[in-house]
């Protein structure tokens, strides 16, 4: 609860700062519906933002959290549970979207202001999580750094907790591994924290910032391997029965999924080629790197295609109403 309150406090601060800097509403709306990437590093930042918002493991977590409720074993009861959870998760993602809009709008308005100070201009030239607290000085004054640090800690803890829960459900569902809570928490958090801690100690704050971008990009590249099986599973009548996705949901989901896959493949190909051209390494070294990397890119594309067109005709749906006879108590008959 404390973490949620801290995150909402930070969101409130950014919304207050948004009203203070007063960005042009037309430009904000235009940026939301007609996105444009310009400048060095804009594409990887956008991909990283996508991976940070739509984390692959959260797809499994959101599906599994429906089981945490007492759901009536009927078609109507299951549909109601899915509908309520859709509203709940949709609201959470919408709030996250608004927070990101506020952060990006504040950053853009402050850093591209005509009367920006030289100090803020230097900070904007290399804007990272470590230096972004100055964006809130208009609202929080000298305490902006402290409150910003608390909110970052809270958001980091929230991400770690969701990763822990997702790992629990994945281990139980796919691997049938059941662990004690303390051991599960210790294992998953060590796996998440130790590499980050090592990079932070060696590379400092700049290394940690780059690690966040790289990790978020990796999450975006992994997204098709969680999204495609989930879409195929939830749209299959042999798997979901009457609870399968509607045609509207199916079409919209596949369009969005195809867009994500296309962006990833585009960046993988163009980004790597641009790096090969401008890295300054000898031609022999570039040729050797290309021989190693291009087959891996081809494997990635082929794996996505395989998942998309792989057929699975095994029927696993069981009508819960057909199992009610097993739950009825056996009443012995009394013969005269």
Protein backbone atom coordinates (compact mmCIF):
# COMPACT_ATOMS: atom_id res chain seq x y z
CA UNK A 1 0.00 0.00 0.00
CA UNK A 2 2.87 2.37 0.82
CA UNK A 3 4.40 1.74 -2.60
CA UNK A 4 1.11 2.45 -4.36
CA UNK A 5 0.67 5.67 -2.39
CA UNK A 6 4.22 6.77 -3.25
CA UNK A 7 3.70 6.12 -6.95
CA UNK A 8 0.42 8.04 -6.93
CA UNK A 9 2.10 10.91 -5.06
CA UNK A 10 4.74 11.08 -7.79
CA UNK A 11 2.01 10.92 -10.43
CA UNK A 12 0.23 13.80 -8.71
CA UNK A 13 3.47 15.79 -8.68
CA UNK A 14 3.97 15.31 -12.40
CA UNK A 15 0.36 16.26 -13.10
CA UNK A 16 0.82 19.38 -10.97
CA UNK A 17 4.02 20.19 -12.85
CA UNK A 18 2.13 19.58 -16.09
CA UNK A 19 -0.37 22.27 -15.15
CA UNK A 20 2.50 24.59 -14.18
CA UNK A 21 4.53 24.31 -17.40
CA UNK A 22 1.30 24.27 -19.44
CA UNK A 23 2.35 22.40 -22.59
CA UNK A 24 0.31 23.09 -25.74
CA UNK A 25 -2.64 20.71 -25.60
CA UNK A 26 -2.81 20.40 -29.38
CA UNK A 27 0.79 19.20 -29.55
CA UNK A 28 0.22 16.70 -26.74
CA UNK A 29 -2.83 15.24 -28.49
CA UNK A 30 -0.97 15.19 -31.79
CA UNK A 31 1.92 13.34 -30.19
CA UNK A 32 -0.41 10.72 -28.72
CA UNK A 33 -2.26 9.91 -31.93
CA UNK A 34 0.36 10.82 -34.56
CA UNK A 35 3.64 9.72 -33.00
CA UNK A 36 6.91 10.90 -34.51
CA UNK A 37 10.42 9.77 -33.67
CA UNK A 38 13.23 12.23 -34.22
CA UNK A 39 16.71 12.53 -32.84
CA UNK A 40 19.40 10.04 -31.99
CA UNK A 41 18.20 7.23 -29.76
CA UNK A 42 14.49 7.98 -30.18
CA UNK A 43 13.64 4.57 -31.65
CA UNK A 44 15.34 2.47 -28.95
CA UNK A 45 13.79 4.68 -26.27
CA UNK A 46 10.33 4.12 -27.78
CA UNK A 47 10.89 0.36 -27.94
CA UNK A 48 12.15 0.39 -24.36
CA UNK A 49 9.05 2.32 -23.26
CA UNK A 50 6.85 -0.28 -24.95
CA UNK A 51 8.70 -3.10 -23.20
CA UNK A 52 8.46 -1.32 -19.85
CA UNK A 53 4.70 -0.80 -20.19
CA UNK A 54 3.65 -4.12 -21.73
CA UNK A 55 5.95 -6.57 -19.96
CA UNK A 56 5.75 -10.13 -21.31
CA UNK A 57 5.56 -11.73 -17.88
CA UNK A 58 2.65 -9.48 -16.93
CA UNK A 59 0.56 -11.09 -19.66
CA UNK A 60 0.78 -14.34 -17.71
CA UNK A 61 0.30 -12.53 -14.41
CA UNK A 62 -2.88 -10.77 -15.52
CA UNK A 63 -4.29 -14.07 -16.76
CA UNK A 64 -3.42 -15.87 -13.54
CA UNK A 65 -4.82 -13.22 -11.21
CA UNK A 66 -8.33 -14.09 -12.35
CA UNK A 67 -7.86 -17.36 -10.47
CA UNK A 68 -7.34 -15.46 -7.21
CA UNK A 69 -11.06 -14.73 -7.07
CA UNK A 70 -13.90 -17.05 -6.22
CA UNK A 71 -15.37 -17.54 -9.67
CA UNK A 72 -18.63 -19.46 -10.14
CA UNK A 73 -18.00 -22.48 -12.35
CA UNK A 74 -20.45 -21.49 -15.04
CA UNK A 75 -20.24 -19.77 -18.39
CA UNK A 76 -21.92 -16.64 -17.02
CA UNK A 77 -19.73 -16.56 -13.90
CA UNK A 78 -16.48 -16.96 -15.84
CA UNK A 79 -17.50 -14.28 -18.34
CA UNK A 80 -18.32 -11.88 -15.50
CA UNK A 81 -14.96 -12.53 -13.83
CA UNK A 82 -13.10 -11.90 -17.08
CA UNK A 83 -15.09 -8.73 -17.71
CA UNK A 84 -14.43 -7.28 -14.25
CA UNK A 85 -10.74 -8.11 -14.44
CA UNK A 86 -10.55 -6.54 -17.89
CA UNK A 87 -11.94 -3.32 -16.43
CA UNK A 88 -9.52 -3.48 -13.51
CA UNK A 89 -6.39 -4.12 -15.57
CA UNK A 90 -7.51 -1.67 -18.24
CA UNK A 91 -7.89 1.05 -15.63
CA UNK A 92 -4.40 0.33 -14.27
CA UNK A 93 -2.86 0.52 -17.74
CA UNK A 94 -4.79 3.71 -18.48
CA UNK A 95 -3.42 5.34 -15.33
CA UNK A 96 0.09 4.23 -16.32
CA UNK A 97 -0.50 5.73 -19.76
CA UNK A 98 -1.57 9.07 -18.26
CA UNK A 99 1.50 9.12 -16.01
CA UNK A 100 3.78 8.51 -18.99
CA UNK A 101 2.03 11.25 -20.96
CA UNK A 102 2.57 13.64 -18.07
CA UNK A 103 6.26 12.71 -17.72
CA UNK A 104 6.98 13.03 -21.45
CA UNK A 105 5.00 16.28 -21.74
CA UNK A 106 6.76 17.87 -18.77
CA UNK A 107 10.17 16.77 -20.04
CA UNK A 108 9.53 18.07 -23.54
CA UNK A 109 8.09 21.39 -22.38
CA UNK A 110 10.86 22.11 -19.88
CA UNK A 111 13.75 20.99 -22.07
CA UNK A 112 12.56 22.78 -25.21
CA UNK A 113 11.49 26.02 -23.55
CA UNK A 114 12.88 29.19 -25.12
CA UNK A 115 13.96 30.67 -21.78
CA UNK A 116 15.61 27.52 -20.44
CA UNK A 117 18.59 28.12 -18.17
CA UNK A 118 22.05 26.87 -19.08
CA UNK A 119 22.01 24.50 -16.09
CA UNK A 120 18.75 22.88 -17.15
CA UNK A 121 19.92 22.77 -20.76
CA UNK A 122 22.95 20.73 -19.70
CA UNK A 123 20.72 18.36 -17.76
CA UNK A 124 18.30 17.99 -20.65
CA UNK A 125 21.14 17.09 -23.01
CA UNK A 126 21.67 13.90 -21.00
CA UNK A 127 18.35 13.32 -19.25
CA UNK A 128 18.33 10.13 -17.17
CA UNK A 129 16.49 8.80 -14.14
CA UNK A 130 19.37 10.04 -12.04
CA UNK A 131 18.95 13.66 -13.14
CA UNK A 132 15.24 13.95 -13.89
CA UNK A 133 14.24 15.21 -10.45
CA UNK A 134 14.91 18.83 -11.50
CA UNK A 135 11.76 18.63 -13.62
CA UNK A 136 9.68 18.78 -10.43
CA UNK A 137 11.39 21.73 -8.76
CA UNK A 138 8.57 24.09 -9.69
CA UNK A 139 6.17 22.02 -7.60
CA UNK A 140 8.34 20.46 -4.89
CA UNK A 141 11.22 22.90 -4.59
CA UNK A 142 14.35 21.59 -2.87
CA UNK A 143 12.58 18.41 -1.72
CA UNK A 144 12.04 17.23 -5.31
CA UNK A 145 15.10 14.97 -5.27
CA UNK A 146 14.04 13.20 -2.07
CA UNK A 147 10.44 12.59 -3.11
CA UNK A 148 11.57 11.55 -6.58
CA UNK A 149 13.99 9.01 -5.08
CA UNK A 150 11.25 7.56 -2.84
CA UNK A 151 8.91 7.20 -5.80
CA UNK A 152 11.61 5.49 -7.87
CA UNK A 153 12.23 3.06 -5.02
CA UNK A 154 8.50 2.37 -4.76
CA UNK A 155 8.10 1.78 -8.48
CA UNK A 156 11.12 -0.52 -8.48
CA UNK A 157 9.65 -2.55 -5.64
CA UNK A 158 6.32 -2.78 -7.47
CA UNK A 159 8.06 -4.08 -10.60
CA UNK A 160 9.98 -6.62 -8.53
CA UNK A 161 6.80 -7.85 -6.86
CA UNK A 162 4.99 -8.31 -10.18
CA UNK A 163 7.99 -10.22 -11.51
CA UNK A 164 7.94 -12.44 -8.42
CA UNK A 165 4.25 -13.24 -8.78
CA UNK A 166 4.58 -13.85 -12.52
CA UNK A 167 7.49 -16.20 -11.90
CA UNK A 168 5.42 -18.07 -9.33
CA UNK A 169 2.52 -18.66 -11.71
CA UNK A 170 4.80 -19.57 -14.62
CA UNK A 171 6.76 -22.08 -12.52
CA UNK A 172 3.57 -23.64 -11.21
CA UNK A 173 1.76 -23.68 -14.55
CA UNK A 174 4.47 -24.65 -17.03
CA UNK A 175 7.06 -26.42 -14.90
CA UNK A 176 4.81 -27.70 -12.09
CA UNK A 177 7.31 -26.38 -9.54
CA UNK A 178 5.93 -25.46 -6.15
CA UNK A 179 8.23 -23.66 -3.75
CA UNK A 180 7.88 -22.16 -0.32
CA UNK A 181 7.07 -18.46 -0.38
CA UNK A 182 10.30 -17.32 1.27
CA UNK A 183 12.41 -19.47 -1.06
CA UNK A 184 10.50 -18.28 -4.13
CA UNK A 185 10.83 -14.64 -3.12
CA UNK A 186 14.52 -15.04 -2.34
CA UNK A 187 15.28 -16.84 -5.60
CA UNK A 188 13.36 -14.55 -7.94
CA UNK A 189 14.53 -11.35 -6.30
CA UNK A 190 18.16 -12.46 -6.27
CA UNK A 191 17.92 -13.26 -9.97
CA UNK A 192 16.48 -9.80 -10.58
CA UNK A 193 18.65 -7.77 -8.20
CA UNK A 194 22.14 -9.31 -8.34
CA UNK A 195 22.88 -8.54 -12.05
CA UNK A 196 21.53 -5.01 -11.64
CA UNK A 197 23.57 -4.51 -8.49
CA UNK A 198 26.76 -5.69 -10.20
CA UNK A 199 26.20 -3.34 -13.15
CA UNK A 200 25.41 -0.43 -10.82
CA UNK A 201 28.58 -1.01 -8.79
CA UNK A 202 30.80 -1.32 -11.87
CA UNK A 203 29.16 1.20 -14.20
CA UNK A 204 27.68 3.65 -11.71
CA UNK A 205 24.46 5.55 -12.31
CA UNK A 206 25.11 5.88 -16.05
CA UNK A 207 25.60 2.13 -16.35
CA UNK A 208 22.39 1.50 -14.43
CA UNK A 209 20.52 3.88 -16.72
CA UNK A 210 21.78 2.09 -19.82
CA UNK A 211 20.90 -1.25 -18.24
CA UNK A 212 17.30 -0.10 -17.76
CA UNK A 213 17.02 0.86 -21.43
CA UNK A 214 18.62 -2.39 -22.61
CA UNK A 215 16.48 -4.53 -20.29
CA UNK A 216 13.31 -2.79 -21.43
CA UNK A 217 14.29 -3.29 -25.07
CA UNK A 218 14.87 -6.99 -24.41
CA UNK A 219 11.41 -7.20 -22.86
CA UNK A 220 9.96 -5.66 -26.01
CA UNK A 221 11.81 -8.17 -28.20
CA UNK A 222 10.51 -11.00 -26.01
CA UNK A 223 6.94 -9.75 -26.17
CA UNK A 224 5.95 -11.70 -29.35
CA UNK A 225 6.90 -14.99 -27.68
CA UNK A 226 4.36 -14.32 -24.93
CA UNK A 227 1.77 -12.43 -26.96
CA UNK A 228 1.37 -14.79 -29.93
CA UNK A 229 0.76 -18.00 -27.91
CA UNK A 230 -1.62 -16.10 -25.63
CA UNK A 231 -3.62 -14.75 -28.58
CA UNK A 232 -3.78 -18.16 -30.24
CA UNK A 233 -4.74 -19.88 -27.00
CA UNK A 234 -7.43 -17.38 -26.02
CA UNK A 235 -8.88 -17.37 -29.55
CA UNK A 236 -9.12 -21.15 -29.89
CA UNK A 237 -12.51 -22.80 -29.47
CA UNK A 238 -10.81 -26.11 -28.59
CA UNK A 239 -8.96 -24.39 -25.74
CA UNK A 240 -11.45 -21.82 -24.47
CA UNK A 241 -14.82 -23.10 -25.63
CA UNK A 242 -17.47 -20.36 -25.34
CA UNK A 243 -14.96 -18.05 -23.65
CA UNK A 244 -12.77 -17.55 -26.71
CA UNK A 245 -12.03 -14.07 -27.99
CA UNK A 246 -14.62 -12.38 -30.15
CA UNK A 247 -13.83 -11.55 -33.76
CA UNK A 248 -13.43 -7.87 -32.88
CA UNK A 249 -10.93 -8.57 -30.09
CA UNK A 250 -9.13 -11.07 -32.31
CA UNK A 251 -8.68 -8.61 -35.20
CA UNK A 252 -7.60 -5.69 -33.01
CA UNK A 253 -5.20 -7.84 -30.98
CA UNK A 254 -3.50 -9.30 -34.04
CA UNK A 255 -3.16 -5.86 -35.64
CA UNK A 256 -1.49 -4.51 -32.50
CA UNK A 257 0.67 -7.62 -32.20
CA UNK A 258 1.75 -7.37 -35.84
CA UNK A 259 2.65 -3.72 -35.27
CA UNK A 260 4.82 -4.59 -32.28
CA UNK A 261 6.55 -7.40 -34.17
CA UNK A 262 7.11 -5.14 -37.18
CA UNK A 263 8.67 -2.40 -35.04
CA UNK A 264 11.01 -4.88 -33.38
CA UNK A 265 12.15 -6.42 -36.66
CA UNK A 266 12.58 -3.00 -38.25
CA UNK A 267 14.74 -1.75 -35.40
CA UNK A 268 16.76 -4.96 -35.23
CA UNK A 269 17.65 -4.78 -38.91
CA UNK A 270 18.14 -1.04 -39.39
CA UNK A 271 19.78 -0.44 -36.02
CA UNK A 272 22.32 -3.19 -36.48
CA UNK A 273 23.14 -2.16 -40.05
CA UNK A 274 23.63 1.47 -38.98
CA UNK A 275 25.88 0.33 -36.16
CA UNK A 276 27.96 -1.77 -38.56
CA UNK A 277 28.38 1.19 -40.90
CA UNK A 278 29.38 3.72 -38.26
CA UNK A 279 31.24 1.74 -35.60
CA UNK A 280 34.69 2.40 -37.06
CA UNK A 281 35.85 -1.20 -36.72
CA UNK A 282 37.92 -2.92 -39.41
CA UNK A 283 36.01 -4.53 -42.25
CA UNK A 284 37.13 -7.99 -41.18
CA UNK A 285 35.73 -7.46 -37.70
CA UNK A 286 32.44 -6.15 -39.10
CA UNK A 287 32.18 -9.15 -41.41
CA UNK A 288 32.78 -11.52 -38.50
CA UNK A 289 30.17 -9.74 -36.37
CA UNK A 290 27.69 -9.83 -39.24
CA UNK A 291 28.23 -13.56 -39.72
CA UNK A 292 27.39 -14.09 -36.05
CA UNK A 293 24.48 -11.67 -35.66
CA UNK A 294 22.53 -11.96 -38.93
CA UNK A 295 21.78 -15.69 -38.42
CA UNK A 296 20.51 -14.88 -34.92
CA UNK A 297 18.21 -12.24 -36.37
CA UNK A 298 16.96 -14.77 -38.92
CA UNK A 299 16.31 -17.28 -36.13
CA UNK A 300 14.30 -14.62 -34.26
CA UNK A 301 12.15 -13.89 -37.32
CA UNK A 302 11.66 -17.58 -38.12
CA UNK A 303 10.69 -18.31 -34.52
CA UNK A 304 8.02 -15.60 -34.62
CA UNK A 305 6.69 -16.96 -37.93
CA UNK A 306 6.65 -20.50 -36.53
CA UNK A 307 4.69 -19.43 -33.46
CA UNK A 308 2.23 -17.52 -35.63
CA UNK A 309 1.39 -20.37 -38.00
CA UNK A 310 1.91 -23.37 -35.73
CA UNK A 311 -1.25 -25.45 -35.48
CA UNK A 312 -2.44 -26.99 -32.24
CA UNK A 313 -5.64 -29.00 -32.57
CA UNK A 314 -5.54 -30.70 -29.18
CA UNK A 315 -8.81 -29.99 -27.39
CA UNK A 316 -8.35 -29.12 -23.72
CA UNK A 317 -11.56 -27.27 -22.90
CA UNK A 318 -13.80 -29.02 -20.39
CA UNK A 319 -17.26 -27.67 -19.77
CA UNK A 320 -17.42 -27.02 -16.01
CA UNK A 321 -21.16 -27.69 -15.96
CA UNK A 322 -20.51 -31.26 -17.08
CA UNK A 323 -18.51 -31.90 -13.90
CA UNK A 324 -21.21 -30.91 -11.44
CA UNK A 325 -22.23 -34.51 -10.96
CA UNK A 326 -18.89 -35.16 -9.30
CA UNK A 327 -19.60 -32.57 -6.66
CA UNK A 328 -23.01 -33.88 -5.66
CA UNK A 329 -23.07 -35.81 -2.38
CA UNK A 330 -24.05 -39.42 -2.60
CA UNK A 331 -27.17 -39.96 -0.51
CA UNK A 332 -27.78 -43.61 0.31
CA UNK A 333 -31.27 -44.83 -0.37
CA UNK A 334 -33.34 -46.17 2.51
CA UNK A 335 -35.10 -49.35 1.67
CA UNK A 336 -38.06 -50.49 3.64
